[in-house]
Every structure is written in C-alpha cells, then in structure tokens.
C-alpha cells in the first residue's frame, strides 16, 4: 500500500470488490448501504484534539493518537490523572474547535467517489458529545463546508453505530491499536481489517 493512500481510499476499492462478490454470491442487486464514521475516518478529530491539548497544556501528560482506545477522551485522560478531565472538557467546549478539524488525507475525494458509485449508498454518522453542546452543530458546519449539502442530508446522529442498520460499517474499532475496520453485518460473509496509516493523523 502506498503512503498516499488512506483507509477510505483502501475501503473504496474493497467496497467495490465486496459489493460485486456479494451481488454474485447472494443475489443482491440493490446498492450496498455503507455507514462511515465522521470522526476518525473523515475528520482527523483525534489529531486535532491532541495538537490543541499540547499547545494549551504543554507540561501535562497526554495520550498519543495511536494509544487511544475508542472510549471518550475524558475517560481515558481521567485514567492518567482525574483532574485532566477538566483540560479535555475545556478544549471540547471551545467555540469553533470542531469546525477547525482537518480532513484526513484523501477522505473527501474517496467519499465523493463512493457517493457517485451506483453500487453504493453512502451515509455519514456522528456521535453526540455530552461534554460539548456545540459539537454537533459545528460538525454539521464542517460537513456543509467540506462535503456539501448532499452529505448533510446523509448525516445520521447516533450514540452507538451498532444500533444502525447497514451492509457495511467503516469505523474505528475499540482497542484497535491504530487500526480501523470494515465490518459486514453478517460476520459469516465479510470481516476485513485494514491498516490505518497513523501518520496522516499528525
């Protein structure tokens, strides 16, 4: 895999091959419904937080992106030291924090190419952030600016993506050690893992 690729670039190619195989073997002719996590797969939210955290609290301990466990930031920082939770909440509540996130390299192009495919029906999903009342609104703004109205209308808000029905999920995996995963609803059909290039989050 070349360094210029990202999980969505890789996922796009895999999705097309998966869909062809699925249609052939299971008689499915309708587009495959794909659910993509906004945080971590489209916007570099973890890297953005860490950069701001180290800028504002340069002498405090921190969690590297590759050490993140797929649990809320406040929970993991609280393990390091309980009072660090206040630092996390201060950043997440900063006005404009989420609007300023950078896109993951290649993600916008890959999403648009996936959206243009007749074989795929693509949706984004975000989780509400109880520590930041402005987060959802700012993420809507980010998507409007970087992806356009078509993805604003394809945005799903859910606390747990496992409650959402889709043929394929592209998301972070808990305790993934720097990996992302593609998971079909039927574990007997597909279970694919792709290395996530962590250097693109820095």
N, C-alpha and C. Protein backbone atom coordinates (compact mmCIF):
# COMPACT_ATOMS: atom_id res chain seq x y z
N UNK A 1 0.85 -1.18 0.00
CA UNK A 1 0.00 0.00 0.00
C UNK A 1 0.89 1.24 0.00
N UNK A 2 0.67 2.18 -0.92
CA UNK A 2 1.46 3.38 -0.96
C UNK A 2 1.06 4.31 0.17
N UNK A 3 2.01 5.17 0.60
CA UNK A 3 1.78 6.04 1.73
C UNK A 3 0.70 7.08 1.46
N UNK A 4 0.41 7.34 0.19
CA UNK A 4 -0.59 8.36 -0.14
C UNK A 4 -2.02 7.85 0.04
N UNK A 5 -2.16 6.57 0.29
CA UNK A 5 -3.50 6.01 0.48
C UNK A 5 -3.96 6.18 1.92
N UNK A 6 -5.27 6.21 2.13
CA UNK A 6 -5.85 6.24 3.46
C UNK A 6 -6.84 5.10 3.58
N UNK A 7 -7.43 4.98 4.77
CA UNK A 7 -8.39 3.91 4.99
C UNK A 7 -9.57 4.01 4.03
N UNK A 8 -9.99 5.23 3.70
CA UNK A 8 -11.13 5.36 2.80
C UNK A 8 -10.75 5.07 1.37
N UNK A 9 -9.53 5.41 0.97
CA UNK A 9 -9.07 5.04 -0.36
C UNK A 9 -9.06 3.51 -0.48
N UNK A 10 -8.49 2.87 0.53
CA UNK A 10 -8.46 1.41 0.55
C UNK A 10 -9.87 0.85 0.64
N UNK A 11 -10.67 1.44 1.52
CA UNK A 11 -12.03 0.97 1.70
C UNK A 11 -12.85 1.09 0.44
N UNK A 12 -12.63 2.17 -0.33
CA UNK A 12 -13.39 2.37 -1.55
C UNK A 12 -13.16 1.20 -2.52
N UNK A 13 -11.88 0.80 -2.68
CA UNK A 13 -11.57 -0.29 -3.58
C UNK A 13 -12.15 -1.60 -3.05
N UNK A 14 -12.02 -1.81 -1.73
CA UNK A 14 -12.56 -3.03 -1.15
C UNK A 14 -14.07 -3.08 -1.28
N UNK A 15 -14.73 -1.94 -1.06
CA UNK A 15 -16.19 -1.90 -1.14
C UNK A 15 -16.69 -2.31 -2.50
N UNK A 16 -16.04 -1.82 -3.53
CA UNK A 16 -16.47 -2.15 -4.88
C UNK A 16 -16.33 -3.65 -5.14
N UNK A 17 -15.19 -4.21 -4.69
CA UNK A 17 -14.98 -5.64 -4.88
C UNK A 17 -15.95 -6.46 -4.02
N UNK A 18 -16.18 -6.00 -2.79
CA UNK A 18 -17.10 -6.68 -1.89
C UNK A 18 -18.50 -6.69 -2.47
N UNK A 19 -18.92 -5.55 -2.98
CA UNK A 19 -20.28 -5.45 -3.49
C UNK A 19 -20.49 -6.37 -4.69
N UNK A 20 -19.50 -6.45 -5.57
CA UNK A 20 -19.61 -7.33 -6.72
C UNK A 20 -19.72 -8.79 -6.26
N UNK A 21 -18.87 -9.15 -5.28
CA UNK A 21 -18.90 -10.51 -4.76
C UNK A 21 -20.22 -10.81 -4.07
N UNK A 22 -20.69 -9.84 -3.27
CA UNK A 22 -21.95 -10.03 -2.55
C UNK A 22 -23.11 -10.20 -3.51
N UNK A 23 -23.14 -9.37 -4.56
CA UNK A 23 -24.22 -9.45 -5.53
C UNK A 23 -24.19 -10.79 -6.26
N UNK A 24 -23.00 -11.26 -6.58
CA UNK A 24 -22.86 -12.51 -7.31
C UNK A 24 -23.26 -13.71 -6.47
N UNK A 25 -22.80 -13.72 -5.21
CA UNK A 25 -22.99 -14.90 -4.36
C UNK A 25 -24.33 -14.91 -3.63
N UNK A 26 -24.94 -13.74 -3.41
CA UNK A 26 -26.15 -13.68 -2.61
C UNK A 26 -27.33 -13.06 -3.34
N UNK A 27 -27.15 -12.79 -4.61
CA UNK A 27 -28.26 -12.31 -5.41
C UNK A 27 -28.73 -10.91 -5.06
N UNK A 28 -27.87 -10.10 -4.44
CA UNK A 28 -28.24 -8.75 -4.07
C UNK A 28 -28.00 -7.81 -5.24
N UNK A 29 -29.04 -7.12 -5.69
CA UNK A 29 -28.91 -6.23 -6.83
C UNK A 29 -29.04 -4.76 -6.44
N UNK A 30 -29.50 -4.45 -5.24
CA UNK A 30 -29.64 -3.07 -4.81
C UNK A 30 -28.30 -2.55 -4.31
N UNK A 31 -28.11 -1.21 -4.29
CA UNK A 31 -26.84 -0.66 -3.81
C UNK A 31 -26.55 -1.07 -2.37
N UNK A 32 -25.30 -1.27 -2.08
CA UNK A 32 -24.88 -1.62 -0.73
C UNK A 32 -24.92 -0.37 0.15
N UNK A 33 -25.60 -0.43 1.28
CA UNK A 33 -25.67 0.69 2.21
C UNK A 33 -24.42 0.70 3.07
N UNK A 34 -23.68 1.81 3.01
CA UNK A 34 -22.40 1.96 3.71
C UNK A 34 -22.50 3.07 4.73
N UNK A 35 -22.07 2.80 5.94
CA UNK A 35 -22.11 3.76 7.03
C UNK A 35 -20.67 4.11 7.41
N UNK A 36 -20.31 5.39 7.29
CA UNK A 36 -18.94 5.84 7.54
C UNK A 36 -18.90 6.76 8.75
N UNK A 37 -18.02 6.48 9.68
CA UNK A 37 -17.85 7.34 10.85
C UNK A 37 -17.21 8.66 10.44
N UNK A 38 -17.81 9.76 10.87
CA UNK A 38 -17.24 11.08 10.58
C UNK A 38 -15.94 11.29 11.34
N UNK A 39 -15.96 11.02 12.63
CA UNK A 39 -14.78 11.21 13.47
C UNK A 39 -13.80 10.08 13.27
N UNK A 40 -12.59 10.41 12.87
CA UNK A 40 -11.55 9.40 12.75
C UNK A 40 -11.42 8.79 11.37
N UNK A 41 -12.49 8.85 10.58
CA UNK A 41 -12.42 8.30 9.23
C UNK A 41 -12.54 9.40 8.17
N UNK A 42 -13.17 10.50 8.51
CA UNK A 42 -13.32 11.63 7.58
C UNK A 42 -12.58 12.85 8.12
N UNK A 43 -12.86 13.22 9.36
CA UNK A 43 -12.17 14.34 10.01
C UNK A 43 -11.14 13.80 11.00
N UNK A 44 -9.98 14.42 11.00
CA UNK A 44 -8.89 13.97 11.88
C UNK A 44 -9.09 14.53 13.29
N UNK A 45 -10.16 14.09 13.92
CA UNK A 45 -10.56 14.64 15.21
C UNK A 45 -9.57 14.35 16.32
N UNK A 46 -9.01 13.15 16.34
CA UNK A 46 -8.07 12.78 17.40
C UNK A 46 -6.79 13.62 17.31
N UNK A 47 -6.26 13.74 16.10
CA UNK A 47 -5.04 14.51 15.92
C UNK A 47 -5.28 15.99 16.22
N UNK A 48 -6.44 16.48 15.85
CA UNK A 48 -6.79 17.88 16.09
C UNK A 48 -6.85 18.16 17.60
N UNK A 49 -7.47 17.26 18.33
CA UNK A 49 -7.55 17.42 19.78
C UNK A 49 -6.16 17.41 20.40
N UNK A 50 -5.35 16.43 20.00
CA UNK A 50 -4.02 16.29 20.61
C UNK A 50 -3.15 17.52 20.34
N UNK A 51 -3.22 18.05 19.14
CA UNK A 51 -2.45 19.24 18.81
C UNK A 51 -2.86 20.42 19.69
N UNK A 52 -4.16 20.60 19.88
CA UNK A 52 -4.65 21.70 20.69
C UNK A 52 -4.34 21.48 22.17
N UNK A 53 -4.46 20.23 22.60
CA UNK A 53 -4.17 19.90 24.01
C UNK A 53 -2.71 20.22 24.34
N UNK A 54 -1.80 19.81 23.48
CA UNK A 54 -0.39 20.02 23.76
C UNK A 54 -0.01 21.50 23.63
N UNK A 55 -0.74 22.23 22.81
CA UNK A 55 -0.49 23.67 22.71
C UNK A 55 -0.92 24.39 23.98
N UNK A 56 -2.07 24.00 24.52
CA UNK A 56 -2.63 24.70 25.68
C UNK A 56 -2.12 24.16 27.01
N UNK A 57 -1.74 22.89 27.02
CA UNK A 57 -1.25 22.28 28.27
C UNK A 57 0.07 21.55 27.99
N UNK A 58 1.10 22.28 27.63
CA UNK A 58 2.35 21.66 27.16
C UNK A 58 3.08 20.81 28.21
N UNK A 59 2.80 21.04 29.48
CA UNK A 59 3.53 20.31 30.52
C UNK A 59 2.71 19.19 31.16
N UNK A 60 1.53 18.96 30.64
CA UNK A 60 0.66 17.92 31.18
C UNK A 60 0.83 16.60 30.40
N UNK A 61 0.61 15.47 31.06
CA UNK A 61 0.65 14.19 30.34
C UNK A 61 -0.46 14.12 29.31
N UNK A 62 -0.24 13.32 28.28
CA UNK A 62 -1.22 13.22 27.21
C UNK A 62 -1.26 11.80 26.65
N UNK A 63 -2.28 11.53 25.85
CA UNK A 63 -2.45 10.22 25.21
C UNK A 63 -2.18 10.39 23.72
N UNK A 64 -1.21 9.66 23.20
CA UNK A 64 -0.91 9.72 21.78
C UNK A 64 -2.06 9.13 20.98
N UNK A 65 -2.18 9.54 19.73
CA UNK A 65 -3.28 9.08 18.88
C UNK A 65 -3.30 7.56 18.80
N UNK A 66 -2.14 6.96 18.63
CA UNK A 66 -2.08 5.50 18.50
C UNK A 66 -2.38 4.78 19.80
N UNK A 67 -2.44 5.51 20.92
CA UNK A 67 -2.77 4.90 22.21
C UNK A 67 -4.24 5.05 22.57
N UNK A 68 -5.00 5.74 21.73
CA UNK A 68 -6.43 5.91 22.01
C UNK A 68 -7.15 4.57 21.93
N UNK A 69 -8.11 4.38 22.83
CA UNK A 69 -8.76 3.08 22.99
C UNK A 69 -10.18 3.02 22.46
N UNK A 70 -10.66 4.06 21.81
CA UNK A 70 -12.03 4.03 21.30
C UNK A 70 -13.07 4.35 22.36
N UNK A 71 -12.62 4.91 23.50
CA UNK A 71 -13.53 5.34 24.55
C UNK A 71 -13.48 6.87 24.59
N UNK A 72 -14.43 7.55 25.26
CA UNK A 72 -14.39 9.01 25.31
C UNK A 72 -13.06 9.55 25.81
N UNK A 73 -12.63 10.66 25.23
CA UNK A 73 -11.36 11.26 25.62
C UNK A 73 -11.27 11.51 27.12
N UNK A 74 -12.33 12.07 27.69
CA UNK A 74 -12.32 12.40 29.11
C UNK A 74 -12.08 11.15 29.97
N UNK A 75 -12.64 10.02 29.55
CA UNK A 75 -12.46 8.79 30.32
C UNK A 75 -11.00 8.35 30.32
N UNK A 76 -10.40 8.38 29.13
CA UNK A 76 -9.03 7.89 29.05
C UNK A 76 -8.04 8.84 29.73
N UNK A 77 -8.26 10.16 29.59
CA UNK A 77 -7.38 11.10 30.26
C UNK A 77 -7.58 11.05 31.77
N UNK A 78 -8.79 10.75 32.19
CA UNK A 78 -9.06 10.61 33.61
C UNK A 78 -8.31 9.47 34.25
N UNK A 79 -7.97 8.47 33.45
CA UNK A 79 -7.17 7.37 33.96
C UNK A 79 -5.74 7.83 34.27
N UNK A 80 -5.24 8.76 33.44
CA UNK A 80 -3.89 9.27 33.68
C UNK A 80 -3.83 10.07 34.97
N UNK A 81 -4.85 10.94 35.11
CA UNK A 81 -4.96 11.77 36.31
C UNK A 81 -6.36 12.39 36.31
N UNK A 82 -7.12 12.22 37.36
CA UNK A 82 -8.52 12.67 37.36
C UNK A 82 -8.72 14.13 36.96
N UNK A 83 -7.83 15.02 37.37
CA UNK A 83 -8.04 16.44 37.07
C UNK A 83 -7.82 16.78 35.60
N UNK A 84 -7.24 15.86 34.82
CA UNK A 84 -7.03 16.12 33.40
C UNK A 84 -8.35 16.14 32.63
N UNK A 85 -9.38 15.59 33.23
CA UNK A 85 -10.70 15.64 32.60
C UNK A 85 -11.12 17.08 32.35
N UNK A 86 -10.79 17.97 33.28
CA UNK A 86 -11.13 19.39 33.12
C UNK A 86 -10.44 19.99 31.90
N UNK A 87 -9.19 19.57 31.65
CA UNK A 87 -8.47 20.07 30.47
C UNK A 87 -9.17 19.62 29.18
N UNK A 88 -9.58 18.36 29.17
CA UNK A 88 -10.27 17.81 28.00
C UNK A 88 -11.56 18.58 27.74
N UNK A 89 -12.34 18.76 28.77
CA UNK A 89 -13.63 19.43 28.61
C UNK A 89 -13.45 20.89 28.19
N UNK A 90 -12.40 21.54 28.68
CA UNK A 90 -12.13 22.92 28.30
C UNK A 90 -11.91 23.03 26.79
N UNK A 91 -11.16 22.10 26.24
CA UNK A 91 -10.89 22.12 24.80
C UNK A 91 -12.14 21.79 23.99
N UNK A 92 -12.85 20.76 24.40
CA UNK A 92 -14.03 20.34 23.64
C UNK A 92 -15.14 21.38 23.66
N UNK A 93 -15.15 22.22 24.67
CA UNK A 93 -16.17 23.26 24.78
C UNK A 93 -15.76 24.59 24.14
N UNK A 94 -14.54 24.63 23.60
CA UNK A 94 -14.07 25.84 22.96
C UNK A 94 -14.84 26.10 21.68
N UNK A 95 -15.37 27.28 21.54
CA UNK A 95 -16.14 27.62 20.35
C UNK A 95 -15.27 27.51 19.09
N UNK A 96 -15.79 26.82 18.08
CA UNK A 96 -15.08 26.67 16.82
C UNK A 96 -14.09 25.52 16.77
N UNK A 97 -13.95 24.78 17.87
CA UNK A 97 -12.96 23.70 17.91
C UNK A 97 -13.19 22.67 16.81
N UNK A 98 -14.42 22.20 16.66
CA UNK A 98 -14.71 21.13 15.71
C UNK A 98 -14.73 21.63 14.26
N UNK A 99 -15.06 22.88 14.06
CA UNK A 99 -15.08 23.44 12.70
C UNK A 99 -13.67 23.46 12.11
N UNK A 100 -12.67 23.58 12.97
CA UNK A 100 -11.28 23.73 12.51
C UNK A 100 -10.57 22.39 12.26
N UNK A 101 -11.23 21.28 12.45
CA UNK A 101 -10.58 19.99 12.21
C UNK A 101 -10.17 19.85 10.75
N UNK A 102 -9.02 19.26 10.53
CA UNK A 102 -8.56 19.00 9.16
C UNK A 102 -9.17 17.68 8.67
N UNK A 103 -9.44 17.59 7.38
CA UNK A 103 -9.89 16.30 6.85
C UNK A 103 -8.73 15.32 6.77
N UNK A 104 -9.01 14.06 6.92
CA UNK A 104 -7.99 13.05 6.73
C UNK A 104 -7.64 13.00 5.24
N UNK A 105 -6.36 12.89 4.96
CA UNK A 105 -5.89 12.93 3.58
C UNK A 105 -6.62 11.91 2.71
N UNK A 106 -7.22 12.40 1.63
CA UNK A 106 -7.90 11.52 0.68
C UNK A 106 -9.33 11.19 1.02
N UNK A 107 -9.78 11.53 2.24
CA UNK A 107 -11.11 11.11 2.68
C UNK A 107 -12.22 11.78 1.88
N UNK A 108 -12.10 13.08 1.63
CA UNK A 108 -13.16 13.80 0.93
C UNK A 108 -13.31 13.29 -0.50
N UNK A 109 -12.19 13.12 -1.18
CA UNK A 109 -12.25 12.61 -2.54
C UNK A 109 -12.83 11.20 -2.58
N UNK A 110 -12.38 10.37 -1.65
CA UNK A 110 -12.86 8.98 -1.63
C UNK A 110 -14.36 8.92 -1.34
N UNK A 111 -14.83 9.75 -0.39
CA UNK A 111 -16.26 9.77 -0.08
C UNK A 111 -17.09 10.18 -1.28
N UNK A 112 -16.63 11.20 -1.98
CA UNK A 112 -17.38 11.67 -3.13
C UNK A 112 -17.39 10.64 -4.25
N UNK A 113 -16.28 9.93 -4.42
CA UNK A 113 -16.25 8.87 -5.43
C UNK A 113 -17.16 7.72 -5.04
N UNK A 114 -17.18 7.39 -3.76
CA UNK A 114 -18.09 6.35 -3.29
C UNK A 114 -19.54 6.77 -3.50
N UNK A 115 -19.83 8.05 -3.21
CA UNK A 115 -21.18 8.56 -3.36
C UNK A 115 -21.64 8.52 -4.82
N UNK A 116 -20.71 8.71 -5.74
CA UNK A 116 -21.04 8.71 -7.16
C UNK A 116 -21.21 7.31 -7.73
N UNK A 117 -20.83 6.30 -6.98
CA UNK A 117 -20.96 4.93 -7.45
C UNK A 117 -22.41 4.46 -7.35
N UNK A 118 -22.91 3.86 -8.41
CA UNK A 118 -24.27 3.32 -8.40
C UNK A 118 -24.37 2.08 -7.54
N UNK A 119 -23.23 1.51 -7.17
CA UNK A 119 -23.22 0.27 -6.38
C UNK A 119 -23.28 0.53 -4.88
N UNK A 120 -23.10 1.81 -4.47
CA UNK A 120 -23.01 2.14 -3.06
C UNK A 120 -24.01 3.22 -2.68
N UNK A 121 -24.54 3.10 -1.46
CA UNK A 121 -25.44 4.10 -0.89
C UNK A 121 -24.80 4.54 0.42
N UNK A 122 -24.12 5.70 0.41
CA UNK A 122 -23.22 6.08 1.49
C UNK A 122 -23.84 7.09 2.45
N UNK A 123 -23.65 6.85 3.75
CA UNK A 123 -24.12 7.75 4.81
C UNK A 123 -22.98 8.01 5.78
N UNK A 124 -23.00 9.19 6.40
CA UNK A 124 -22.09 9.52 7.49
C UNK A 124 -22.83 9.40 8.81
N UNK A 125 -22.10 9.12 9.87
CA UNK A 125 -22.74 9.18 11.19
C UNK A 125 -21.80 9.84 12.18
N UNK A 126 -22.40 10.55 13.12
CA UNK A 126 -21.64 11.18 14.22
C UNK A 126 -22.29 10.80 15.53
N UNK A 127 -21.48 10.79 16.57
CA UNK A 127 -21.99 10.55 17.92
C UNK A 127 -22.14 11.89 18.64
N UNK A 128 -23.21 12.09 19.38
CA UNK A 128 -23.35 13.32 20.18
C UNK A 128 -22.29 13.34 21.27
N UNK A 129 -21.81 14.51 21.60
CA UNK A 129 -20.78 14.67 22.62
C UNK A 129 -21.37 15.40 23.81
N UNK A 130 -21.55 14.69 24.92
CA UNK A 130 -22.20 15.29 26.09
C UNK A 130 -21.34 16.37 26.74
N UNK A 131 -20.02 16.35 26.46
CA UNK A 131 -19.13 17.35 27.03
C UNK A 131 -19.05 18.63 26.19
N UNK A 132 -19.70 18.61 25.03
CA UNK A 132 -19.61 19.77 24.15
C UNK A 132 -20.95 19.98 23.45
N UNK A 133 -21.80 20.84 23.99
CA UNK A 133 -23.11 21.09 23.39
C UNK A 133 -23.02 21.63 21.96
N UNK A 134 -21.89 22.28 21.62
CA UNK A 134 -21.74 22.88 20.30
C UNK A 134 -21.19 21.90 19.26
N UNK A 135 -20.76 20.73 19.70
CA UNK A 135 -20.06 19.81 18.81
C UNK A 135 -20.90 19.43 17.60
N UNK A 136 -22.12 19.06 17.82
CA UNK A 136 -22.95 18.59 16.72
C UNK A 136 -23.17 19.68 15.68
N UNK A 137 -23.50 20.87 16.14
CA UNK A 137 -23.71 21.99 15.22
C UNK A 137 -22.45 22.28 14.42
N UNK A 138 -21.30 22.26 15.08
CA UNK A 138 -20.05 22.56 14.39
C UNK A 138 -19.67 21.47 13.40
N UNK A 139 -20.01 20.23 13.72
CA UNK A 139 -19.74 19.15 12.76
C UNK A 139 -20.64 19.27 11.54
N UNK A 140 -21.87 19.69 11.74
CA UNK A 140 -22.75 19.99 10.61
C UNK A 140 -22.11 21.06 9.73
N UNK A 141 -21.57 22.10 10.34
CA UNK A 141 -20.92 23.17 9.60
C UNK A 141 -19.72 22.64 8.81
N UNK A 142 -18.94 21.77 9.44
CA UNK A 142 -17.76 21.19 8.79
C UNK A 142 -18.17 20.40 7.56
N UNK A 143 -19.20 19.57 7.72
CA UNK A 143 -19.65 18.73 6.61
C UNK A 143 -20.21 19.59 5.49
N UNK A 144 -20.98 20.61 5.83
CA UNK A 144 -21.52 21.52 4.82
C UNK A 144 -20.39 22.17 4.02
N UNK A 145 -19.35 22.62 4.70
CA UNK A 145 -18.25 23.31 4.05
C UNK A 145 -17.39 22.39 3.20
N UNK A 146 -17.07 21.21 3.73
CA UNK A 146 -16.10 20.33 3.08
C UNK A 146 -16.71 19.27 2.16
N UNK A 147 -17.96 18.89 2.43
CA UNK A 147 -18.57 17.82 1.66
C UNK A 147 -19.83 18.25 0.92
N UNK A 148 -20.44 19.34 1.37
CA UNK A 148 -21.62 19.85 0.68
C UNK A 148 -22.93 19.33 1.26
N UNK A 149 -24.01 19.89 0.76
CA UNK A 149 -25.34 19.61 1.27
C UNK A 149 -25.73 18.15 1.13
N UNK A 150 -25.22 17.48 0.10
CA UNK A 150 -25.60 16.09 -0.14
C UNK A 150 -25.25 15.21 1.06
N UNK A 151 -24.12 15.51 1.74
CA UNK A 151 -23.74 14.71 2.90
C UNK A 151 -24.37 15.23 4.18
N UNK A 152 -24.75 16.50 4.22
CA UNK A 152 -25.53 16.99 5.36
C UNK A 152 -26.84 16.22 5.42
N UNK A 153 -27.44 15.98 4.27
CA UNK A 153 -28.71 15.25 4.20
C UNK A 153 -28.53 13.76 4.40
N UNK A 154 -27.27 13.31 4.40
CA UNK A 154 -26.99 11.88 4.62
C UNK A 154 -26.25 11.67 5.93
N UNK A 155 -26.46 12.59 6.86
CA UNK A 155 -25.82 12.51 8.16
C UNK A 155 -26.77 11.91 9.18
N UNK A 156 -26.29 10.91 9.90
CA UNK A 156 -27.08 10.24 10.93
C UNK A 156 -26.42 10.49 12.28
N UNK A 157 -27.21 10.86 13.26
CA UNK A 157 -26.70 11.09 14.62
C UNK A 157 -27.12 9.92 15.50
N UNK A 158 -26.16 9.26 16.09
CA UNK A 158 -26.47 8.11 16.93
C UNK A 158 -25.39 7.91 17.97
N UNK A 159 -25.78 7.56 19.17
CA UNK A 159 -24.82 7.32 20.24
C UNK A 159 -24.01 6.06 19.99
N UNK A 160 -24.63 5.07 19.37
CA UNK A 160 -23.98 3.79 19.12
C UNK A 160 -24.27 3.36 17.70
N UNK A 161 -23.24 3.29 16.87
CA UNK A 161 -23.46 2.94 15.47
C UNK A 161 -23.95 1.50 15.31
N UNK A 162 -23.73 0.67 16.33
CA UNK A 162 -24.18 -0.72 16.24
C UNK A 162 -25.70 -0.81 16.17
N UNK A 163 -26.39 0.26 16.58
CA UNK A 163 -27.85 0.27 16.52
C UNK A 163 -28.35 0.58 15.10
N UNK A 164 -27.45 1.02 14.24
CA UNK A 164 -27.83 1.42 12.89
C UNK A 164 -27.64 0.26 11.92
N UNK A 165 -28.58 0.10 11.03
CA UNK A 165 -28.52 -0.98 10.06
C UNK A 165 -27.81 -0.51 8.80
N UNK A 166 -26.84 -1.28 8.38
CA UNK A 166 -26.12 -1.00 7.14
C UNK A 166 -25.47 -2.30 6.68
N UNK A 167 -25.19 -2.38 5.40
CA UNK A 167 -24.49 -3.57 4.90
C UNK A 167 -23.03 -3.56 5.31
N UNK A 168 -22.49 -2.37 5.45
CA UNK A 168 -21.07 -2.27 5.78
C UNK A 168 -20.82 -1.04 6.62
N UNK A 169 -20.03 -1.18 7.67
CA UNK A 169 -19.63 -0.06 8.52
C UNK A 169 -18.15 0.21 8.31
N UNK A 170 -17.78 1.48 8.20
CA UNK A 170 -16.37 1.88 8.21
C UNK A 170 -16.19 2.76 9.43
N UNK A 171 -15.41 2.28 10.39
CA UNK A 171 -15.38 2.96 11.68
C UNK A 171 -14.12 2.59 12.43
N UNK A 172 -13.89 3.31 13.54
CA UNK A 172 -12.84 2.92 14.47
C UNK A 172 -13.27 1.67 15.21
N UNK A 173 -12.30 0.88 15.58
CA UNK A 173 -12.57 -0.34 16.33
C UNK A 173 -12.04 -0.15 17.74
N UNK A 174 -12.84 -0.45 18.75
CA UNK A 174 -12.38 -0.28 20.12
C UNK A 174 -11.12 -1.09 20.37
N UNK A 175 -10.18 -0.44 21.09
CA UNK A 175 -8.91 -1.09 21.40
C UNK A 175 -8.21 -1.59 20.14
N UNK A 176 -8.24 -0.74 19.09
CA UNK A 176 -7.80 -1.21 17.78
C UNK A 176 -6.30 -1.06 17.55
N UNK A 177 -5.59 -0.41 18.46
CA UNK A 177 -4.14 -0.24 18.31
C UNK A 177 -3.78 0.36 16.97
N UNK A 178 -4.51 1.41 16.59
CA UNK A 178 -4.16 2.11 15.36
C UNK A 178 -4.71 1.48 14.11
N UNK A 179 -5.72 0.63 14.23
CA UNK A 179 -6.33 0.03 13.05
C UNK A 179 -7.77 0.52 12.93
N UNK A 180 -8.27 0.44 11.73
CA UNK A 180 -9.69 0.70 11.50
C UNK A 180 -10.28 -0.57 10.93
N UNK A 181 -11.58 -0.65 10.86
CA UNK A 181 -12.14 -1.90 10.38
C UNK A 181 -13.31 -1.70 9.43
N UNK A 182 -13.48 -2.67 8.55
CA UNK A 182 -14.65 -2.77 7.69
C UNK A 182 -15.39 -4.01 8.16
N UNK A 183 -16.63 -3.86 8.56
CA UNK A 183 -17.36 -4.99 9.15
C UNK A 183 -18.72 -5.13 8.48
N UNK A 184 -18.95 -6.30 7.91
CA UNK A 184 -20.27 -6.58 7.33
C UNK A 184 -21.20 -7.03 8.45
N UNK A 185 -22.51 -6.74 8.30
CA UNK A 185 -23.47 -7.12 9.34
C UNK A 185 -23.48 -8.62 9.58
N UNK A 186 -23.23 -9.40 8.55
CA UNK A 186 -23.19 -10.85 8.69
C UNK A 186 -21.72 -11.27 8.81
N UNK A 187 -21.27 -11.64 10.00
CA UNK A 187 -19.85 -11.96 10.18
C UNK A 187 -19.40 -13.16 9.35
N UNK A 188 -20.36 -13.96 8.87
CA UNK A 188 -20.01 -15.10 8.05
C UNK A 188 -19.75 -14.71 6.60
N UNK A 189 -20.10 -13.48 6.25
CA UNK A 189 -19.92 -13.04 4.87
C UNK A 189 -18.59 -12.31 4.72
N UNK A 190 -18.41 -11.26 5.50
CA UNK A 190 -17.19 -10.47 5.38
C UNK A 190 -16.71 -10.00 6.74
N UNK A 191 -15.43 -10.04 6.95
CA UNK A 191 -14.82 -9.40 8.11
C UNK A 191 -13.42 -9.01 7.68
N UNK A 192 -13.25 -7.77 7.32
CA UNK A 192 -11.99 -7.32 6.77
C UNK A 192 -11.37 -6.27 7.67
N UNK A 193 -10.08 -6.31 7.83
CA UNK A 193 -9.38 -5.27 8.58
C UNK A 193 -8.35 -4.61 7.68
N UNK A 194 -8.23 -3.31 7.78
CA UNK A 194 -7.25 -2.56 7.01
C UNK A 194 -6.37 -1.75 7.94
N UNK A 195 -5.11 -1.74 7.68
CA UNK A 195 -4.22 -0.90 8.49
C UNK A 195 -4.55 0.56 8.24
N UNK A 196 -4.62 1.31 9.31
CA UNK A 196 -4.90 2.76 9.19
C UNK A 196 -3.57 3.49 9.31
N UNK A 197 -3.27 4.32 8.33
CA UNK A 197 -1.98 4.99 8.29
C UNK A 197 -1.97 6.15 9.27
N UNK A 198 -1.40 5.91 10.43
CA UNK A 198 -1.48 6.87 11.51
C UNK A 198 -0.73 8.16 11.21
N UNK A 199 0.24 8.12 10.30
CA UNK A 199 0.98 9.33 10.02
C UNK A 199 0.11 10.42 9.42
N UNK A 200 -1.01 10.05 8.84
CA UNK A 200 -1.89 11.05 8.25
C UNK A 200 -2.70 11.78 9.32
N UNK A 201 -2.65 11.30 10.56
CA UNK A 201 -3.37 11.97 11.64
C UNK A 201 -2.49 12.99 12.36
N UNK A 202 -1.29 13.14 11.92
CA UNK A 202 -0.37 14.05 12.62
C UNK A 202 -0.06 15.25 11.74
